[in-house]
Amino acid sequence: MVFHFQSTVVSPPVLLFMGADKFENEDLIKWGWPEDVWFHVDELSSAHVYLRLGQGQTIDDIPSAVLEDAAQLVKANSITGNKMNDISIVYTMWSNLKKTPGMEVGQVGFHKESEVKKMKVAKRINEIVNRLNKTKKEEHPDFRAEREKRDKIEREDKKKLLKEQKRKEEEEEKRRREDAELRSYNSLMSSENMNKYDDGNDSDDFM
């Protein structure tokens, strides 16, 4: 089971979601999307919250208000972190999450620490948490099926893009050939015209 939340601080709203327990978190770690940004309380147990970015967006494009929503949601779903002030939230792209065989269920590391960002949360803001909880919905997705469907669409889009690129390249090559043939024809005609009017005598030698 996964809990979905709507962050309505931007228009259109963006999706925040988290696994109901460590087993759902494990599935999200395995079958997340490359467009997902992962959030967690730094050095404390907490929920794993994800933000799904739009096409073409990067982690640096996330509005500060959306970051605040995600951070408050993570804090509110940390037994220890929810009671503390001045905690740190870490977040990074799903692709930077690292899972090794020796890790416990739901535990995760990072491929590159340099790609992990941090933000401070001074205290719990009930107004934000209550607003998000009002949009809370339960779903039972098939993480693997959703990921495979997403990857299939991406492959098809890439094929279409490559096909269109090849078509444009072929058209450009055809245009270059036609231009070259036209230049060659014009050059030939110009040469024939010169030969037609040139009798080999200088104009001053007539008598």
Protein backbone atom coordinates (compact mmCIF):
# COMPACT_ATOMS: atom_id res chain seq x y z
CA MET A 1 0.00 0.00 0.00
CA VAL A 2 1.13 3.52 -0.83
CA PHE A 3 -0.15 6.82 0.46
CA HIS A 4 -0.56 9.61 -2.10
CA PHE A 5 -0.64 13.31 -1.23
CA GLN A 6 -1.21 16.39 -3.38
CA SER A 7 1.03 19.41 -2.89
CA THR A 8 -1.26 22.25 -3.93
CA VAL A 9 1.24 25.05 -3.39
CA VAL A 10 1.88 25.00 -7.14
CA SER A 11 -0.46 24.72 -10.11
CA PRO A 12 -1.02 22.11 -11.29
CA PRO A 13 -0.51 20.23 -7.99
CA VAL A 14 2.37 17.78 -7.72
CA LEU A 15 2.31 14.25 -6.37
CA LEU A 16 4.00 13.21 -3.14
CA PHE A 17 3.84 9.57 -2.08
CA MET A 18 5.28 7.19 0.49
CA GLY A 19 5.21 3.50 1.28
CA ALA A 20 3.03 2.33 4.15
CA ASP A 21 5.88 0.29 5.66
CA LYS A 22 9.45 -0.85 5.04
CA PHE A 23 8.37 -3.50 2.54
CA GLU A 24 6.64 -0.94 0.31
CA ASN A 25 9.70 1.26 0.75
CA GLU A 26 11.81 -1.63 -0.48
CA ASP A 27 9.65 -1.95 -3.61
CA LEU A 28 9.88 1.81 -4.24
CA ILE A 29 13.66 1.65 -3.93
CA LYS A 30 13.71 -1.15 -6.51
CA TRP A 31 10.99 -0.01 -8.89
CA GLY A 32 11.02 3.77 -8.54
CA TRP A 33 11.09 6.04 -11.58
CA PRO A 34 14.11 8.04 -12.78
CA GLU A 35 11.89 11.14 -12.40
CA ASP A 36 11.41 10.51 -8.65
CA VAL A 37 13.10 12.52 -5.91
CA TRP A 38 13.54 10.69 -2.59
CA PHE A 39 13.22 12.42 0.81
CA HIS A 40 14.19 11.14 4.28
CA VAL A 41 15.03 12.52 7.72
CA ASP A 42 18.81 12.61 8.02
CA GLU A 43 20.25 9.99 10.40
CA LEU A 44 16.84 9.12 11.87
CA SER A 45 14.18 6.56 11.06
CA SER A 46 11.41 8.04 8.93
CA ALA A 47 9.06 7.41 6.06
CA HIS A 48 10.47 7.43 2.54
CA VAL A 49 8.70 10.22 0.69
CA TYR A 50 8.94 10.64 -3.08
CA LEU A 51 8.20 13.55 -5.37
CA ARG A 52 7.59 12.75 -9.04
CA LEU A 53 9.07 15.41 -11.30
CA GLY A 54 7.60 16.44 -14.61
CA GLN A 55 9.26 15.78 -17.94
CA GLY A 56 12.39 17.85 -18.39
CA GLN A 57 12.55 18.93 -14.74
CA THR A 58 15.59 18.45 -12.51
CA ILE A 59 16.04 18.35 -8.76
CA ASP A 60 17.16 21.99 -8.89
CA ASP A 61 13.82 23.02 -10.43
CA ILE A 62 11.75 22.04 -7.39
CA PRO A 63 10.01 25.13 -5.97
CA SER A 64 10.93 25.94 -2.38
CA ALA A 65 7.28 25.62 -1.28
CA VAL A 66 7.14 22.06 -2.66
CA LEU A 67 10.40 21.21 -0.90
CA GLU A 68 8.88 22.50 2.32
CA ASP A 69 5.80 20.30 1.83
CA ALA A 70 7.94 17.20 1.25
CA ALA A 71 10.17 17.99 4.23
CA GLN A 72 7.20 18.53 6.55
CA LEU A 73 5.63 15.26 5.38
CA VAL A 74 8.83 13.34 6.09
CA LYS A 75 9.23 14.94 9.51
CA ALA A 76 5.60 14.25 10.45
CA ASN A 77 6.13 10.57 9.57
CA SER A 78 9.23 10.10 11.69
CA ILE A 79 8.52 8.90 15.24
CA THR A 80 11.63 10.61 16.62
CA GLY A 81 12.01 13.41 14.09
CA ASN A 82 8.43 14.59 14.56
CA LYS A 83 9.20 15.47 18.19
CA MET A 84 12.43 17.34 17.41
CA ASN A 85 13.25 20.82 16.18
CA ASP A 86 16.05 21.82 13.82
CA ILE A 87 16.39 18.53 11.98
CA SER A 88 17.93 17.90 8.56
CA ILE A 89 16.13 16.38 5.60
CA VAL A 90 18.16 14.67 2.87
CA TYR A 91 16.91 14.31 -0.68
CA THR A 92 18.30 13.01 -3.95
CA MET A 93 17.22 11.53 -7.26
CA TRP A 94 15.96 7.94 -7.19
CA SER A 95 18.80 6.93 -9.53
CA ASN A 96 21.30 7.87 -6.79
CA LEU A 97 19.83 5.39 -4.31
CA LYS A 98 22.09 2.40 -3.68
CA LYS A 99 20.98 -0.98 -2.39
CA THR A 100 23.50 -3.67 -1.39
CA PRO A 101 22.77 -7.30 -0.39
CA GLY A 102 23.79 -6.75 3.24
CA MET A 103 21.29 -3.97 3.89
CA GLU A 104 18.11 -4.47 5.88
CA VAL A 105 14.66 -4.21 4.29
CA GLY A 106 13.94 -0.55 3.57
CA GLN A 107 17.52 0.53 4.18
CA VAL A 108 19.30 2.45 1.42
CA GLY A 109 22.59 4.19 0.66
CA PHE A 110 23.87 6.44 -2.10
CA HIS A 111 26.01 6.01 -5.18
CA LYS A 112 27.33 9.58 -4.91
CA GLU A 113 27.20 11.52 -1.65
CA SER A 114 27.89 14.70 -3.64
CA GLU A 115 24.45 14.37 -5.26
CA VAL A 116 22.62 14.28 -1.93
CA LYS A 117 21.08 17.60 -0.92
CA LYS A 118 20.12 18.73 2.58
CA MET A 119 17.66 21.21 4.01
CA LYS A 120 16.89 22.30 7.56
CA VAL A 121 13.46 22.06 9.13
CA ALA A 122 13.15 24.26 12.19
CA LYS A 123 9.88 22.83 13.48
CA ARG A 124 6.69 21.04 12.50
CA ILE A 125 4.21 23.30 10.72
CA ASN A 126 0.78 21.86 11.42
CA GLU A 127 -0.87 23.98 8.74
CA ILE A 128 1.20 22.25 6.05
CA VAL A 129 0.84 18.75 7.51
CA ASN A 130 -2.93 19.11 7.90
CA ARG A 131 -3.31 20.45 4.35
CA LEU A 132 -1.40 17.49 2.94
CA ASN A 133 -3.27 14.94 5.06
CA LYS A 134 -6.58 16.21 3.69
CA THR A 135 -5.48 15.01 0.24
CA LYS A 136 -4.23 11.62 1.48
CA LYS A 137 -5.32 8.58 -0.52
CA GLU A 138 -4.47 4.90 -0.26
CA GLU A 139 -3.50 2.94 -3.34
CA HIS A 140 -2.25 -0.58 -4.03
CA PRO A 141 -0.07 -0.21 -7.13
CA ASP A 142 1.96 -2.87 -8.88
CA PHE A 143 5.31 -1.07 -8.73
CA ARG A 144 7.02 -3.35 -11.21
CA ALA A 145 4.18 -3.18 -13.77
CA GLU A 146 4.03 0.62 -13.53
CA ARG A 147 7.79 0.93 -14.01
CA GLU A 148 7.81 -1.47 -16.97
CA LYS A 149 4.92 0.43 -18.57
CA ARG A 150 6.79 3.71 -18.09
CA ASP A 151 9.99 2.24 -19.60
CA LYS A 152 8.07 0.83 -22.59
CA ILE A 153 6.60 4.25 -23.35
CA GLU A 154 10.05 5.82 -23.08
CA ARG A 155 11.52 3.26 -25.50
CA GLU A 156 8.72 3.88 -28.00
CA ASP A 157 9.23 7.64 -27.74
CA LYS A 158 12.95 7.21 -28.36
CA LYS A 159 12.26 5.05 -31.42
CA LYS A 160 9.93 7.71 -32.81
CA LEU A 161 12.52 10.40 -32.14
CA LEU A 162 15.28 8.43 -33.85
CA LYS A 163 13.01 7.68 -36.82
CA GLU A 164 12.15 11.36 -37.20
CA GLN A 165 15.81 12.32 -36.85
CA LYS A 166 16.78 9.80 -39.56
CA ARG A 167 14.05 11.15 -41.85
CA LYS A 168 15.31 14.71 -41.43
CA GLU A 169 18.91 13.62 -42.07
CA GLU A 170 17.86 11.82 -45.27
CA GLU A 171 15.94 14.89 -46.44
CA GLU A 172 18.93 17.10 -45.69
CA GLU A 173 21.26 14.73 -47.58
CA LYS A 174 18.85 14.73 -50.55
CA ARG A 175 18.75 18.53 -50.52
CA ARG A 176 22.56 18.72 -50.47
CA ARG A 177 22.81 16.33 -53.43
CA GLU A 178 20.27 18.33 -55.41
CA ASP A 179 22.10 21.57 -54.63
CA ALA A 180 25.41 20.03 -55.69
CA GLU A 181 23.90 18.75 -58.95
CA LEU A 182 22.39 22.16 -59.65
CA ARG A 183 25.71 23.90 -59.02
CA SER A 184 27.46 21.40 -61.28
CA TYR A 185 24.88 21.95 -64.05
CA ASN A 186 25.14 25.75 -63.76
CA SER A 187 28.92 25.55 -63.88
CA LEU A 188 28.77 23.36 -67.00
CA MET A 189 26.37 25.72 -68.76
CA SER A 190 28.53 28.70 -67.92
CA SER A 191 31.62 26.94 -69.32
CA GLU A 192 29.80 26.01 -72.57
CA ASN A 193 28.66 29.60 -73.02
CA MET A 194 32.23 30.87 -72.62
CA ASN A 195 33.50 28.38 -75.20
CA LYS A 196 30.73 29.40 -77.65
CA TYR A 197 31.80 33.05 -77.78
CA ASP A 198 35.56 32.61 -77.40
CA ASP A 199 37.22 32.04 -80.86
CA GLY A 200 40.72 32.13 -79.44
CA ASN A 201 41.60 35.56 -80.99
CA ASP A 202 42.29 38.74 -79.12
CA SER A 203 39.76 41.47 -79.88
CA ASP A 204 42.53 43.87 -80.97
CA ASP A 205 43.81 41.57 -83.77
CA PHE A 206 41.00 41.97 -86.28
CA MET A 207 41.93 43.41 -89.71
